[in-house]
């Protein structure tokens, strides 16, 4: 699958290649719903045949184009991922540009972006069908294509190919919305076939991606990270691909999905998993474990300390430090007690790939202690998904805390600490609602501060937009302070789900707390204030936290969470700026 010049037909379409390989592999594709039940399944041969038939649903009709692009919106829930793939392949084969809409956007946001980008045709699964039909009734939509796995349109001709003509390499296959975490609204990124091809080939080359793989992806394929990973796995002839909604991962243990090889997660889920285990171990949460409750509290307290000790040992071992290997007996003891329970809870994966934001190293070490290799990756919508991922061969070679080496054909440099990348995975550019196109020309300023270690591995240290500059001109990386707060809470009561340090342009740093169970009782407020007082004593005076507040909602139900599972920091900053002027609303 060698790249050809932009603007000329490729020798073999990447999409055709993926479908034909899926057919030959006999892969089982399976979707699970929020109850933990399997609701859809298909195989590679059936997928190819269904795409061939659904192509007829997209041919022979015209849709008004926008800026020369024939576009169609994709509206599918996570349990409809197979139908999402059918719609995407079928529409692209007919020359459409597909525009996936995030399933966790509310109806108003989805409609707003339909209208902004003048998308008048929609391919939709049952989950959003009633919503889409309402829009059709008010004139916003001209054409609806329901996609149902159990229903297949007839072939126009039995000899119809899947892709009648190869697509040019610069064909805009998809418009993908960014996660919108660093600004007010998501941007629309134009991704062409050359970008998809480069991403798929890079994923195929990873040392943990092998034929016969069973992978569980609980991330929405409406996001480019999950989409190209799924395409890359399909191209390697896997055994099974499992799809679900990450919010309901707890309902999909090994008894439901069977044994898997790998799992894709975002850092927030990894953090919740670790925090939830400590909470259960110490008996602080709603969920109880009958076996753990039988253990005396002093013993459980000792096990909690030993686990934290083991996590630090794993971090040190991965970084090649001697003190880490001296903690190996502690790691083995924790693993022998808890590993089986944790692994079966996830389907006994050999590895977890985590990306989408900078993960907490202790959360990564937690699953590594339990015997599951945790691999960090990095990428953006604008880089057509992952651009660097650690590999299994990096074990104990100092790769922990890095994202591994950049993919082949990708170059990078740093300017004032900001990472700038170029290569075939860099998307065409941004498309604005008014039709203005902002070309990347193969080069993208990432907005991430980064470094490279002595072996050339990428280390992302934070987003440029996350840096907080106080009124005195000093600036800070909030992630470092947040990790200290979360670590301290983990030792004590495990009340905090996430903490966001704010204060841009203010006189002091502040904090906003998302609690696992929202509460503003005097006891909770006293605990949080005492927690901050203890931490402030360890920080320089200019880094100490002043005013703070509690979000009255759990994080996943708040407006502060982006579609890829990252916190929308600028929105949190603006929403809670009043705590600086209304100090009476928080204890100081």
Protein backbone atom coordinates (compact mmCIF):
# COMPACT_ATOMS: atom_id res chain seq x y z
CA UNK A 1 0.00 0.00 0.00
CA UNK A 2 2.50 2.59 -1.10
CA UNK A 3 1.43 6.21 -1.17
CA UNK A 4 0.92 7.81 -4.54
CA UNK A 5 0.99 11.47 -5.37
CA UNK A 6 -1.78 13.64 -4.03
CA UNK A 7 -4.58 14.26 -6.52
CA UNK A 8 -4.02 11.03 -8.47
CA UNK A 9 -5.90 7.76 -8.02
CA UNK A 10 -4.27 5.31 -5.63
CA UNK A 11 -3.42 1.85 -6.92
CA UNK A 12 -5.79 0.27 -4.40
CA UNK A 13 -8.21 2.22 -2.23
CA UNK A 14 -7.35 1.85 1.47
CA UNK A 15 -11.02 1.27 2.27
CA UNK A 16 -11.31 -1.51 -0.29
CA UNK A 17 -8.16 -3.11 1.11
CA UNK A 18 -9.51 -3.03 4.66
CA UNK A 19 -12.84 -4.57 3.70
CA UNK A 20 -11.26 -7.36 1.67
CA UNK A 21 -8.83 -8.21 4.46
CA UNK A 22 -11.72 -8.24 6.95
CA UNK A 23 -13.56 -10.67 4.69
CA UNK A 24 -10.59 -13.01 4.51
CA UNK A 25 -10.00 -12.92 8.27
CA UNK A 26 -13.54 -13.94 9.23
CA UNK A 27 -13.35 -11.38 12.04
CA UNK A 28 -16.25 -11.28 14.49
CA UNK A 29 -17.55 -7.74 15.13
CA UNK A 30 -19.66 -7.45 18.27
CA UNK A 31 -21.54 -4.53 19.86
CA UNK A 32 -22.62 -4.43 23.51
CA UNK A 33 -25.23 -2.07 24.96
CA UNK A 34 -25.31 -0.16 28.24
CA UNK A 35 -26.80 -3.18 30.05
CA UNK A 36 -23.81 -5.30 29.10
CA UNK A 37 -25.72 -7.39 26.54
CA UNK A 38 -24.49 -8.17 23.02
CA UNK A 39 -26.96 -6.51 20.65
CA UNK A 40 -25.21 -6.71 17.27
CA UNK A 41 -22.74 -9.02 15.61
CA UNK A 42 -21.31 -9.53 12.14
CA UNK A 43 -18.31 -11.09 10.45
CA UNK A 44 -15.88 -9.83 7.83
CA UNK A 45 -17.63 -11.43 4.89
CA UNK A 46 -21.03 -10.17 6.04
CA UNK A 47 -19.61 -6.66 6.59
CA UNK A 48 -18.28 -6.50 3.04
CA UNK A 49 -21.54 -7.77 1.54
CA UNK A 50 -23.62 -5.35 3.62
CA UNK A 51 -21.47 -2.40 2.49
CA UNK A 52 -21.83 -3.56 -1.13
CA UNK A 53 -25.62 -3.56 -0.77
CA UNK A 54 -25.91 -0.32 1.21
CA UNK A 55 -23.95 1.52 -1.47
CA UNK A 56 -27.17 1.43 -3.46
CA UNK A 57 -28.82 3.54 -0.75
CA UNK A 58 -26.34 6.33 -1.50
CA UNK A 59 -26.23 6.23 -5.28
CA UNK A 60 -28.63 7.71 -7.78
CA UNK A 61 -29.62 10.71 -5.68
CA UNK A 62 -28.24 14.19 -5.37
CA UNK A 63 -27.62 16.18 -2.24
CA UNK A 64 -26.78 19.84 -2.17
CA UNK A 65 -23.05 20.19 -1.79
CA UNK A 66 -21.27 22.59 0.53
CA UNK A 67 -18.14 24.26 -0.83
CA UNK A 68 -17.99 21.55 -3.48
CA UNK A 69 -18.29 18.68 -0.98
CA UNK A 70 -21.12 16.16 -1.06
CA UNK A 71 -21.55 15.59 2.68
CA UNK A 72 -23.57 13.28 4.89
CA UNK A 73 -23.82 13.32 8.69
CA UNK A 74 -23.41 10.08 10.66
CA UNK A 75 -25.59 9.69 13.77
CA UNK A 76 -24.91 6.43 15.61
CA UNK A 77 -24.66 5.34 19.22
CA UNK A 78 -21.76 3.22 20.48
CA UNK A 79 -23.82 0.04 20.36
CA UNK A 80 -24.39 0.75 16.64
CA UNK A 81 -20.71 0.82 15.67
CA UNK A 82 -21.07 -1.90 13.03
CA UNK A 83 -23.80 0.16 11.36
CA UNK A 84 -21.58 3.24 11.67
CA UNK A 85 -18.84 1.42 9.74
CA UNK A 86 -21.32 0.24 7.10
CA UNK A 87 -22.58 3.81 6.62
CA UNK A 88 -19.06 5.29 6.46
CA UNK A 89 -17.71 2.74 3.95
CA UNK A 90 -20.85 2.88 1.78
CA UNK A 91 -21.04 6.67 1.65
CA UNK A 92 -17.31 7.15 0.97
CA UNK A 93 -17.57 4.61 -1.86
CA UNK A 94 -20.16 6.87 -3.48
CA UNK A 95 -17.93 9.95 -3.18
CA UNK A 96 -19.49 11.42 -0.03
CA UNK A 97 -17.58 13.16 2.71
CA UNK A 98 -18.80 11.65 5.98
CA UNK A 99 -19.30 13.90 9.02
CA UNK A 100 -19.59 11.87 12.25
CA UNK A 101 -21.51 13.55 15.08
CA UNK A 102 -20.62 12.79 18.68
CA UNK A 103 -23.34 10.69 20.34
CA UNK A 104 -22.89 12.46 23.68
CA UNK A 105 -23.66 15.90 22.24
CA UNK A 106 -27.15 17.04 23.14
CA UNK A 107 -29.75 17.55 20.40
CA UNK A 108 -29.27 21.33 20.34
CA UNK A 109 -25.50 21.04 19.76
CA UNK A 110 -25.94 18.42 17.05
CA UNK A 111 -28.53 20.54 15.23
CA UNK A 112 -26.38 23.65 15.57
CA UNK A 113 -23.50 21.98 13.74
CA UNK A 114 -25.75 20.46 11.11
CA UNK A 115 -26.95 23.96 10.27
CA UNK A 116 -23.52 25.63 10.55
CA UNK A 117 -22.04 23.25 8.00
CA UNK A 118 -25.20 22.95 5.89
CA UNK A 119 -25.38 19.17 6.20
CA UNK A 120 -28.78 18.18 4.84
CA UNK A 121 -28.39 14.41 4.51
CA UNK A 122 -28.01 11.97 7.40
CA UNK A 123 -27.22 8.28 7.78
CA UNK A 124 -28.63 7.17 11.11
CA UNK A 125 -29.10 4.16 13.38
CA UNK A 126 -32.18 3.43 15.46
CA UNK A 127 -30.75 5.28 18.47
CA UNK A 128 -31.08 8.70 16.87
CA UNK A 129 -33.77 8.01 14.29
CA UNK A 130 -36.62 9.75 16.11
CA UNK A 131 -34.47 12.84 16.77
CA UNK A 132 -33.38 13.07 13.14
CA UNK A 133 -36.95 12.72 11.88
CA UNK A 134 -37.95 15.73 13.99
CA UNK A 135 -35.31 17.76 12.19
CA UNK A 136 -36.60 16.50 8.86
CA UNK A 137 -40.03 17.78 9.83
CA UNK A 138 -38.78 21.33 10.42
CA UNK A 139 -36.95 21.47 7.10
CA UNK A 140 -33.37 21.11 8.40
CA UNK A 141 -32.89 17.72 6.72
CA UNK A 142 -33.62 16.74 3.12
CA UNK A 143 -32.56 13.08 3.09
CA UNK A 144 -32.40 10.36 5.76
CA UNK A 145 -30.74 6.97 5.19
CA UNK A 146 -31.62 4.55 8.02
CA UNK A 147 -28.91 1.92 8.44
CA UNK A 148 -29.96 -1.36 10.01
CA UNK A 149 -27.71 -4.40 10.13
CA UNK A 150 -30.65 -6.74 9.71
CA UNK A 151 -31.99 -4.91 6.65
CA UNK A 152 -30.08 -4.86 3.36
CA UNK A 153 -31.06 -3.04 0.18
CA UNK A 154 -31.02 -5.14 -2.99
CA UNK A 155 -28.01 -5.04 -5.29
CA UNK A 156 -28.47 -2.99 -8.44
CA UNK A 157 -26.37 -5.60 -10.24
CA UNK A 158 -24.86 -8.73 -8.77
CA UNK A 159 -21.48 -7.81 -10.25
CA UNK A 160 -21.31 -4.38 -8.60
CA UNK A 161 -17.89 -3.89 -6.97
CA UNK A 162 -17.45 -2.38 -3.51
CA UNK A 163 -15.54 0.65 -4.75
CA UNK A 164 -16.18 1.11 -8.49
CA UNK A 165 -13.38 3.65 -8.84
CA UNK A 166 -10.36 4.25 -6.71
CA UNK A 167 -10.56 7.47 -4.74
CA UNK A 168 -7.94 10.19 -5.28
CA UNK A 169 -5.52 10.42 -2.37
CA UNK A 170 -6.69 13.97 -1.62
CA UNK A 171 -10.38 13.05 -1.61
CA UNK A 172 -11.89 14.54 1.59
CA UNK A 173 -13.15 11.30 3.14
CA UNK A 174 -14.27 12.84 6.43
CA UNK A 175 -14.85 16.02 8.32
CA UNK A 176 -14.07 15.29 11.95
CA UNK A 177 -14.93 17.64 14.81
CA UNK A 178 -12.18 18.19 17.36
CA UNK A 179 -12.88 17.52 21.02
CA UNK A 180 -13.31 21.24 21.68
CA UNK A 181 -11.36 21.21 24.95
CA UNK A 182 -9.11 24.19 24.25
CA UNK A 183 -11.69 26.59 22.87
CA UNK A 184 -15.33 27.57 22.93
CA UNK A 185 -16.41 25.31 20.06
CA UNK A 186 -15.01 22.30 18.20
CA UNK A 187 -13.24 22.84 14.90
CA UNK A 188 -14.01 20.87 11.75
CA UNK A 189 -10.95 19.03 10.40
CA UNK A 190 -10.78 17.83 6.80
CA UNK A 191 -9.19 14.38 6.52
CA UNK A 192 -8.35 12.75 3.18
CA UNK A 193 -7.57 9.22 2.05
CA UNK A 194 -3.83 9.79 2.22
CA UNK A 195 -4.17 10.68 5.93
CA UNK A 196 -6.24 7.55 6.59
CA UNK A 197 -3.77 5.37 4.69
CA UNK A 198 -0.78 6.69 6.65
CA UNK A 199 -2.58 6.21 9.98
CA UNK A 200 -3.65 2.65 9.17
CA UNK A 201 -0.17 1.63 8.02
CA UNK A 202 1.40 3.09 11.18
CA UNK A 203 -1.03 1.20 13.42
CA UNK A 204 -0.41 -2.04 11.49
CA UNK A 205 3.33 -1.68 12.19
CA UNK A 206 2.98 -1.58 16.02
CA UNK A 207 4.53 -4.61 17.69
CA UNK A 208 1.42 -5.49 19.72
CA UNK A 209 -0.92 -5.47 16.70
CA UNK A 210 -0.94 -9.03 15.36
CA UNK A 211 -3.27 -11.17 13.21
CA UNK A 212 -5.85 -12.98 15.32
CA UNK A 213 -6.07 -10.15 17.87
CA UNK A 214 -9.15 -9.66 20.06
CA UNK A 215 -9.56 -5.95 20.83
CA UNK A 216 -12.18 -4.13 22.90
CA UNK A 217 -12.81 -0.49 21.89
CA UNK A 218 -15.31 1.25 24.20
CA UNK A 219 -14.62 4.62 22.54
CA UNK A 220 -16.98 6.16 19.99
CA UNK A 221 -15.83 5.73 16.38
CA UNK A 222 -17.18 9.25 15.79
CA UNK A 223 -13.79 10.32 17.13
CA UNK A 224 -10.90 9.89 14.72
CA UNK A 225 -8.66 8.21 17.32
CA UNK A 226 -10.99 5.23 17.70
CA UNK A 227 -12.01 5.26 14.02
CA UNK A 228 -8.51 4.84 12.56
CA UNK A 229 -7.48 2.37 15.27
CA UNK A 230 -10.46 0.19 14.32
CA UNK A 231 -9.51 0.48 10.63
CA UNK A 232 -5.90 -0.38 11.43
CA UNK A 233 -6.93 -3.44 13.42
CA UNK A 234 -9.34 -4.57 10.67
CA UNK A 235 -6.46 -4.38 8.18
CA UNK A 236 -4.40 -6.86 10.26
CA UNK A 237 -7.04 -9.63 10.10
CA UNK A 238 -8.11 -9.79 13.76
CA UNK A 239 -10.19 -12.49 15.41
CA UNK A 240 -12.69 -10.27 17.25
CA UNK A 241 -13.49 -6.56 17.56
CA UNK A 242 -15.72 -5.62 20.49
CA UNK A 243 -17.49 -2.25 20.69
CA UNK A 244 -19.26 -0.68 23.67
CA UNK A 245 -19.84 2.61 25.50
CA UNK A 246 -17.02 3.53 27.88
CA UNK A 247 -19.53 4.79 30.46
CA UNK A 248 -20.74 1.21 30.94
CA UNK A 249 -17.39 -0.56 30.88
CA UNK A 250 -18.00 -1.84 34.42
CA UNK A 251 -20.78 -4.09 33.09
CA UNK A 252 -18.55 -5.88 30.59
CA UNK A 253 -16.33 -8.28 32.50
CA UNK A 254 -14.82 -11.50 31.19
CA UNK A 255 -18.04 -13.42 31.80
CA UNK A 256 -19.78 -11.13 29.26
CA UNK A 257 -17.17 -10.51 26.56
CA UNK A 258 -14.76 -13.40 27.01
CA UNK A 259 -10.97 -13.06 27.08
CA UNK A 260 -9.45 -10.21 25.09
CA UNK A 261 -5.92 -9.22 24.08
CA UNK A 262 -6.17 -5.45 24.24
CA UNK A 263 -8.30 -2.54 25.41
CA UNK A 264 -8.35 1.13 24.34
CA UNK A 265 -9.06 3.71 27.06
CA UNK A 266 -8.83 7.41 27.80
CA UNK A 267 -6.93 8.60 30.92
CA UNK A 268 -10.06 9.64 32.80
CA UNK A 269 -11.41 6.06 32.76
CA UNK A 270 -8.05 4.72 33.91
CA UNK A 271 -8.06 7.23 36.79
CA UNK A 272 -11.62 6.23 37.79
CA UNK A 273 -10.68 2.56 37.71
CA UNK A 274 -7.79 3.06 40.09
CA UNK A 275 -9.64 5.43 42.40
CA UNK A 276 -12.67 3.12 42.48
CA UNK A 277 -10.52 0.19 43.54
CA UNK A 278 -8.99 2.13 46.44
CA UNK A 279 -12.47 3.27 47.42
CA UNK A 280 -13.73 -0.32 47.46
CA UNK A 281 -10.66 -1.54 49.31
CA UNK A 282 -11.16 1.02 52.08
CA UNK A 283 -14.96 0.65 52.11
CA UNK A 284 -15.57 4.36 51.45
CA UNK A 285 -17.97 4.10 48.51
CA UNK A 286 -21.40 2.75 47.69
CA UNK A 287 -19.99 -0.39 46.06
CA UNK A 288 -18.87 -3.04 48.51
CA UNK A 289 -16.88 -6.22 48.04
CA UNK A 290 -18.01 -8.97 50.45
CA UNK A 291 -14.56 -10.59 50.41
CA UNK A 292 -12.76 -7.33 51.17
CA UNK A 293 -15.22 -6.46 53.93
CA UNK A 294 -14.18 -9.58 55.79
CA UNK A 295 -10.60 -8.30 56.01
CA UNK A 296 -9.90 -6.23 59.16
CA UNK A 297 -9.54 -2.51 58.47
CA UNK A 298 -5.91 -2.29 59.72
CA UNK A 299 -4.99 -5.00 57.19
CA UNK A 300 -6.84 -3.18 54.38
CA UNK A 301 -5.07 0.05 55.32
CA UNK A 302 -1.75 -1.78 55.09
CA UNK A 303 -2.67 -3.24 51.69
CA UNK A 304 -3.59 0.23 50.43
CA UNK A 305 -0.19 1.56 51.45
CA UNK A 306 1.54 -1.47 49.92
CA UNK A 307 -0.31 -0.91 46.65
CA UNK A 308 0.80 2.74 46.47
CA UNK A 309 4.33 1.59 47.30
CA UNK A 310 4.10 -0.96 44.46
CA UNK A 311 2.86 1.64 41.99
CA UNK A 312 5.89 3.81 42.68
CA UNK A 313 8.08 0.74 42.37
CA UNK A 314 6.58 -0.05 38.95
CA UNK A 315 7.19 3.54 37.79
CA UNK A 316 10.81 3.30 38.93
CA UNK A 317 11.27 -0.12 37.30
CA UNK A 318 9.85 1.07 33.99
CA UNK A 319 12.26 3.98 34.09
CA UNK A 320 15.16 1.61 34.73
CA UNK A 321 15.82 2.73 38.31
CA UNK A 322 17.40 0.27 40.75
CA UNK A 323 15.08 1.22 43.63
CA UNK A 324 12.15 0.04 41.52
CA UNK A 325 13.52 -3.48 41.11
CA UNK A 326 14.08 -3.66 44.88
CA UNK A 327 10.30 -3.22 45.27
CA UNK A 328 9.56 -6.24 43.07
CA UNK A 329 8.54 -8.47 46.05
CA UNK A 330 5.87 -5.93 47.02
CA UNK A 331 4.58 -5.81 43.44
CA UNK A 332 4.42 -9.61 43.33
CA UNK A 333 2.52 -9.74 46.63
CA UNK A 334 -0.11 -7.22 45.47
CA UNK A 335 -0.39 -8.96 42.11
CA UNK A 336 -0.97 -12.35 43.73
CA UNK A 337 -3.78 -10.91 45.91
CA UNK A 338 -5.65 -8.63 43.49
CA UNK A 339 -4.52 -9.27 39.90
CA UNK A 340 -7.01 -12.00 39.01
CA UNK A 341 -9.98 -9.89 40.14
CA UNK A 342 -8.86 -6.76 38.24
CA UNK A 343 -7.93 -8.62 35.06
CA UNK A 344 -11.17 -10.60 34.83
CA UNK A 345 -13.06 -7.39 35.42
CA UNK A 346 -11.62 -6.11 32.09
CA UNK A 347 -11.52 -9.35 30.10
CA UNK A 348 -7.95 -10.31 31.09
CA UNK A 349 -6.22 -8.09 28.49
CA UNK A 350 -2.49 -8.33 27.89
CA UNK A 351 -2.27 -4.61 27.24
CA UNK A 352 -4.20 -1.34 27.54
CA UNK A 353 -3.49 1.56 25.19
CA UNK A 354 -4.32 4.92 26.73
CA UNK A 355 -4.43 8.22 24.83
CA UNK A 356 -6.43 11.37 24.27
CA UNK A 357 -4.83 13.32 27.14
CA UNK A 358 -1.81 13.07 29.42
CA UNK A 359 -2.45 10.09 31.72
CA UNK A 360 -1.62 9.95 35.41
CA UNK A 361 1.51 7.80 35.77
CA UNK A 362 0.23 6.22 38.98
CA UNK A 363 -2.96 5.12 37.20
CA UNK A 364 -0.85 3.53 34.47
CA UNK A 365 1.35 1.89 37.11
CA UNK A 366 -1.77 0.55 38.88
CA UNK A 367 -2.77 -1.64 35.92
CA UNK A 368 0.86 -2.60 35.30
CA UNK A 369 1.14 -3.78 38.92
CA UNK A 370 -1.95 -5.92 38.25
CA UNK A 371 -0.19 -7.60 35.32
CA UNK A 372 -1.64 -5.61 32.41
CA UNK A 373 0.87 -3.73 30.24
CA UNK A 374 -0.16 -0.05 29.95
CA UNK A 375 0.99 1.72 26.78
CA UNK A 376 0.69 5.49 26.38
CA UNK A 377 -0.02 7.10 23.02
CA UNK A 378 -0.40 10.61 21.67
CA UNK A 379 -2.26 12.12 18.78
CA UNK A 380 -4.84 14.69 17.71
CA UNK A 381 -7.79 14.92 15.39
CA UNK A 382 -5.53 17.05 13.21
CA UNK A 383 -2.96 14.22 13.01
CA UNK A 384 -5.63 11.67 12.01
CA UNK A 385 -5.45 9.98 15.38
CA UNK A 386 -2.36 8.54 17.09
CA UNK A 387 1.03 9.72 15.92
CA UNK A 388 3.12 7.96 18.56
CA UNK A 389 2.52 4.94 20.83
CA UNK A 390 4.79 3.05 23.22
CA UNK A 391 5.45 -0.58 22.31
CA UNK A 392 5.79 -3.83 24.21
CA UNK A 393 9.52 -3.80 23.46
CA UNK A 394 9.89 -0.63 25.53
CA UNK A 395 9.50 -2.61 28.77
CA UNK A 396 11.91 -1.44 31.52
CA UNK A 397 13.75 0.81 29.05
CA UNK A 398 12.74 4.20 30.38
CA UNK A 399 9.67 4.60 28.18
CA UNK A 400 7.19 4.99 31.04
CA UNK A 401 5.79 8.53 30.98
CA UNK A 402 6.60 8.87 27.27
CA UNK A 403 4.43 8.25 24.22
CA UNK A 404 7.10 6.23 22.44
CA UNK A 405 8.72 7.14 19.15
CA UNK A 406 6.92 9.03 16.40
CA UNK A 407 5.51 6.95 13.57
CA UNK A 408 7.52 6.50 10.38
CA UNK A 409 7.44 9.40 7.91
CA UNK A 410 6.59 11.81 10.75
CA UNK A 411 8.99 14.60 11.60
CA UNK A 412 8.83 16.87 14.63
CA UNK A 413 10.55 19.87 16.16
CA UNK A 414 10.10 22.10 19.19
CA UNK A 415 9.61 25.86 19.10
CA UNK A 416 9.61 27.52 22.52
CA UNK A 417 8.74 24.12 23.92
CA UNK A 418 5.71 23.61 21.66
CA UNK A 419 5.58 20.47 19.52
CA UNK A 420 5.29 20.98 15.75
CA UNK A 421 4.73 17.90 13.58
CA UNK A 422 4.66 17.21 9.86
CA UNK A 423 4.05 14.19 7.68
CA UNK A 424 1.40 12.28 5.71
CA UNK A 425 -0.96 11.95 8.69
CA UNK A 426 -1.39 15.71 9.03
CA UNK A 427 -4.94 16.53 7.92
CA UNK A 428 -5.72 18.93 5.08
CA UNK A 429 -6.81 21.72 7.41
CA UNK A 430 -9.75 23.36 9.17
CA UNK A 431 -13.03 24.16 7.48
CA UNK A 432 -14.93 27.08 8.99
CA UNK A 433 -18.75 27.30 8.91
CA UNK A 434 -18.56 30.21 6.44
CA UNK A 435 -16.61 28.02 4.00
CA UNK A 436 -13.18 29.45 4.81
CA UNK A 437 -10.52 26.77 4.56
CA UNK A 438 -7.35 27.03 6.67
CA UNK A 439 -4.74 24.71 5.14
CA UNK A 440 -2.12 22.97 7.28
CA UNK A 441 0.14 22.22 4.29
CA UNK A 442 1.41 19.09 6.02
CA UNK A 443 2.59 20.96 9.15
CA UNK A 444 0.71 21.41 12.44
CA UNK A 445 1.46 23.36 15.58
CA UNK A 446 0.03 20.98 18.17
CA UNK A 447 -0.56 23.32 21.09
CA UNK A 448 1.24 20.80 23.33
CA UNK A 449 4.40 21.38 25.32
CA UNK A 450 6.71 18.46 24.75
CA UNK A 451 10.23 17.08 25.11
CA UNK A 452 12.16 14.18 23.59
CA UNK A 453 14.23 11.80 25.68
CA UNK A 454 17.68 10.50 24.72
CA UNK A 455 16.13 7.75 22.59
CA UNK A 456 13.87 10.15 20.70
CA UNK A 457 10.68 9.19 22.55
CA UNK A 458 8.00 11.85 22.83
CA UNK A 459 7.09 13.25 26.25
CA UNK A 460 4.04 15.54 26.31
CA UNK A 461 4.13 17.75 29.40
CA UNK A 462 0.87 19.69 28.97
CA UNK A 463 -1.15 21.86 26.62
CA UNK A 464 -0.10 25.41 25.84
CA UNK A 465 -3.72 26.45 26.42
CA UNK A 466 -3.70 24.77 29.86
CA UNK A 467 -0.92 26.97 31.21
CA UNK A 468 -2.17 29.38 33.84
CA UNK A 469 -0.69 32.87 33.96
CA UNK A 470 -1.47 34.79 37.14
CA UNK A 471 -1.87 38.56 37.29
CA UNK A 472 1.76 38.82 38.48
CA UNK A 473 2.96 37.29 35.20
CA UNK A 474 4.04 33.93 36.64
CA UNK A 475 2.73 30.86 34.82
CA UNK A 476 2.07 27.31 35.97
CA UNK A 477 1.30 23.84 34.67
CA UNK A 478 -1.95 22.94 36.52
CA UNK A 479 -1.58 19.20 35.85
CA UNK A 480 1.28 18.88 38.34
CA UNK A 481 -0.70 20.50 41.17
CA UNK A 482 -3.84 18.52 40.31
CA UNK A 483 -1.95 15.23 40.54
CA UNK A 484 -0.72 16.16 44.03
CA UNK A 485 -4.29 16.92 45.16
CA UNK A 486 -5.68 13.68 43.71
CA UNK A 487 -2.87 11.61 45.21
CA UNK A 488 -3.49 13.08 48.67
CA UNK A 489 -7.24 12.46 48.45
CA UNK A 490 -6.54 8.87 47.38
CA UNK A 491 -4.67 8.30 50.64
CA UNK A 492 -7.54 9.65 52.70
CA UNK A 493 -11.22 9.48 51.68
CA UNK A 494 -11.29 9.06 47.85
CA UNK A 495 -14.04 11.67 47.43
CA UNK A 496 -12.63 13.51 44.39
CA UNK A 497 -13.18 12.30 40.84
CA UNK A 498 -11.34 15.17 39.15
CA UNK A 499 -9.77 18.43 40.21
CA UNK A 500 -9.24 21.43 37.90
CA UNK A 501 -6.81 24.15 38.96
CA UNK A 502 -7.86 27.57 37.63
CA UNK A 503 -6.70 31.19 38.01
CA UNK A 504 -5.71 32.58 34.59
CA UNK A 505 -5.36 36.35 35.03
CA UNK A 506 -6.26 36.15 38.73
CA UNK A 507 -4.20 37.00 41.78
CA UNK A 508 -4.05 33.39 43.06
CA UNK A 509 -4.58 29.86 41.88
CA UNK A 510 -7.97 28.33 42.63
CA UNK A 511 -9.50 24.87 42.40
CA UNK A 512 -12.73 23.31 41.18
CA UNK A 513 -13.68 19.86 42.48
CA UNK A 514 -15.75 17.20 40.74
CA UNK A 515 -16.80 14.75 43.46
CA UNK A 516 -17.80 11.14 42.89
CA UNK A 517 -20.96 11.91 44.84
CA UNK A 518 -21.67 15.68 44.63
CA UNK A 519 -22.15 17.11 48.11
CA UNK A 520 -21.62 20.46 49.84
CA UNK A 521 -22.24 19.38 53.41
CA UNK A 522 -20.15 21.07 56.13
CA UNK A 523 -18.25 17.79 56.60
CA UNK A 524 -17.26 17.58 52.93
CA UNK A 525 -16.27 21.25 52.83
CA UNK A 526 -14.18 20.86 55.96
CA UNK A 527 -12.43 17.82 54.49
CA UNK A 528 -11.57 19.62 51.24
CA UNK A 529 -10.32 22.71 53.06
CA UNK A 530 -8.14 20.62 55.38
CA UNK A 531 -6.85 18.73 52.35
CA UNK A 532 -5.83 21.97 50.63
CA UNK A 533 -4.33 23.37 53.82
CA UNK A 534 -2.07 20.32 54.11
CA UNK A 535 -1.03 20.51 50.46
CA UNK A 536 -0.49 24.30 50.56
CA UNK A 537 2.07 23.82 53.33
CA UNK A 538 4.21 21.82 50.88
CA UNK A 539 3.94 24.35 48.00
CA UNK A 540 5.71 27.67 47.41
CA UNK A 541 3.44 30.55 48.41
CA UNK A 542 2.77 31.59 44.80
CA UNK A 543 1.58 28.04 43.93
CA UNK A 544 -0.79 27.65 46.85
CA UNK A 545 -4.52 27.19 46.20
CA UNK A 546 -6.79 30.01 47.37
CA UNK A 547 -10.53 30.00 46.61
CA UNK A 548 -12.24 26.79 45.55
CA UNK A 549 -15.67 25.41 44.76
CA UNK A 550 -17.54 22.14 44.19
CA UNK A 551 -19.33 21.30 40.93
CA UNK A 552 -22.92 20.26 41.78
CA UNK A 553 -22.89 17.47 39.16
CA UNK A 554 -20.87 14.35 38.50
CA UNK A 555 -18.33 14.95 35.75
CA UNK A 556 -19.94 12.79 33.06
CA UNK A 557 -23.24 14.73 33.42
CA UNK A 558 -21.65 18.17 33.42
CA UNK A 559 -21.11 20.52 30.43
CA UNK A 560 -17.37 20.53 31.14
CA UNK A 561 -16.53 17.15 29.59
CA UNK A 562 -15.50 17.02 25.93
CA UNK A 563 -16.58 14.21 23.58
CA UNK A 564 -13.21 12.48 23.78
CA UNK A 565 -13.27 12.34 27.58
CA UNK A 566 -11.13 15.41 28.24
CA UNK A 567 -12.11 18.28 30.52
CA UNK A 568 -12.89 21.56 28.73
CA UNK A 569 -10.64 23.71 30.89
CA UNK A 570 -11.42 27.15 29.41
CA UNK A 571 -15.11 26.60 30.09
CA UNK A 572 -14.43 25.53 33.70
CA UNK A 573 -12.22 28.60 34.11
CA UNK A 574 -14.96 30.97 32.95
CA UNK A 575 -17.79 29.23 34.80
CA UNK A 576 -16.05 29.46 38.16
CA UNK A 577 -14.30 32.83 37.89
CA UNK A 578 -16.87 34.21 40.35
CA UNK A 579 -15.19 32.39 43.24
CA UNK A 580 -12.57 35.12 43.21
CA UNK A 581 -15.18 37.85 43.68
CA UNK A 582 -17.51 35.98 45.98
CA UNK A 583 -15.12 34.64 48.56
CA UNK A 584 -17.95 34.25 51.02
CA UNK A 585 -19.25 31.32 48.94
CA UNK A 586 -16.26 29.18 49.92
CA UNK A 587 -14.36 28.74 53.16
CA UNK A 588 -11.01 30.53 53.04
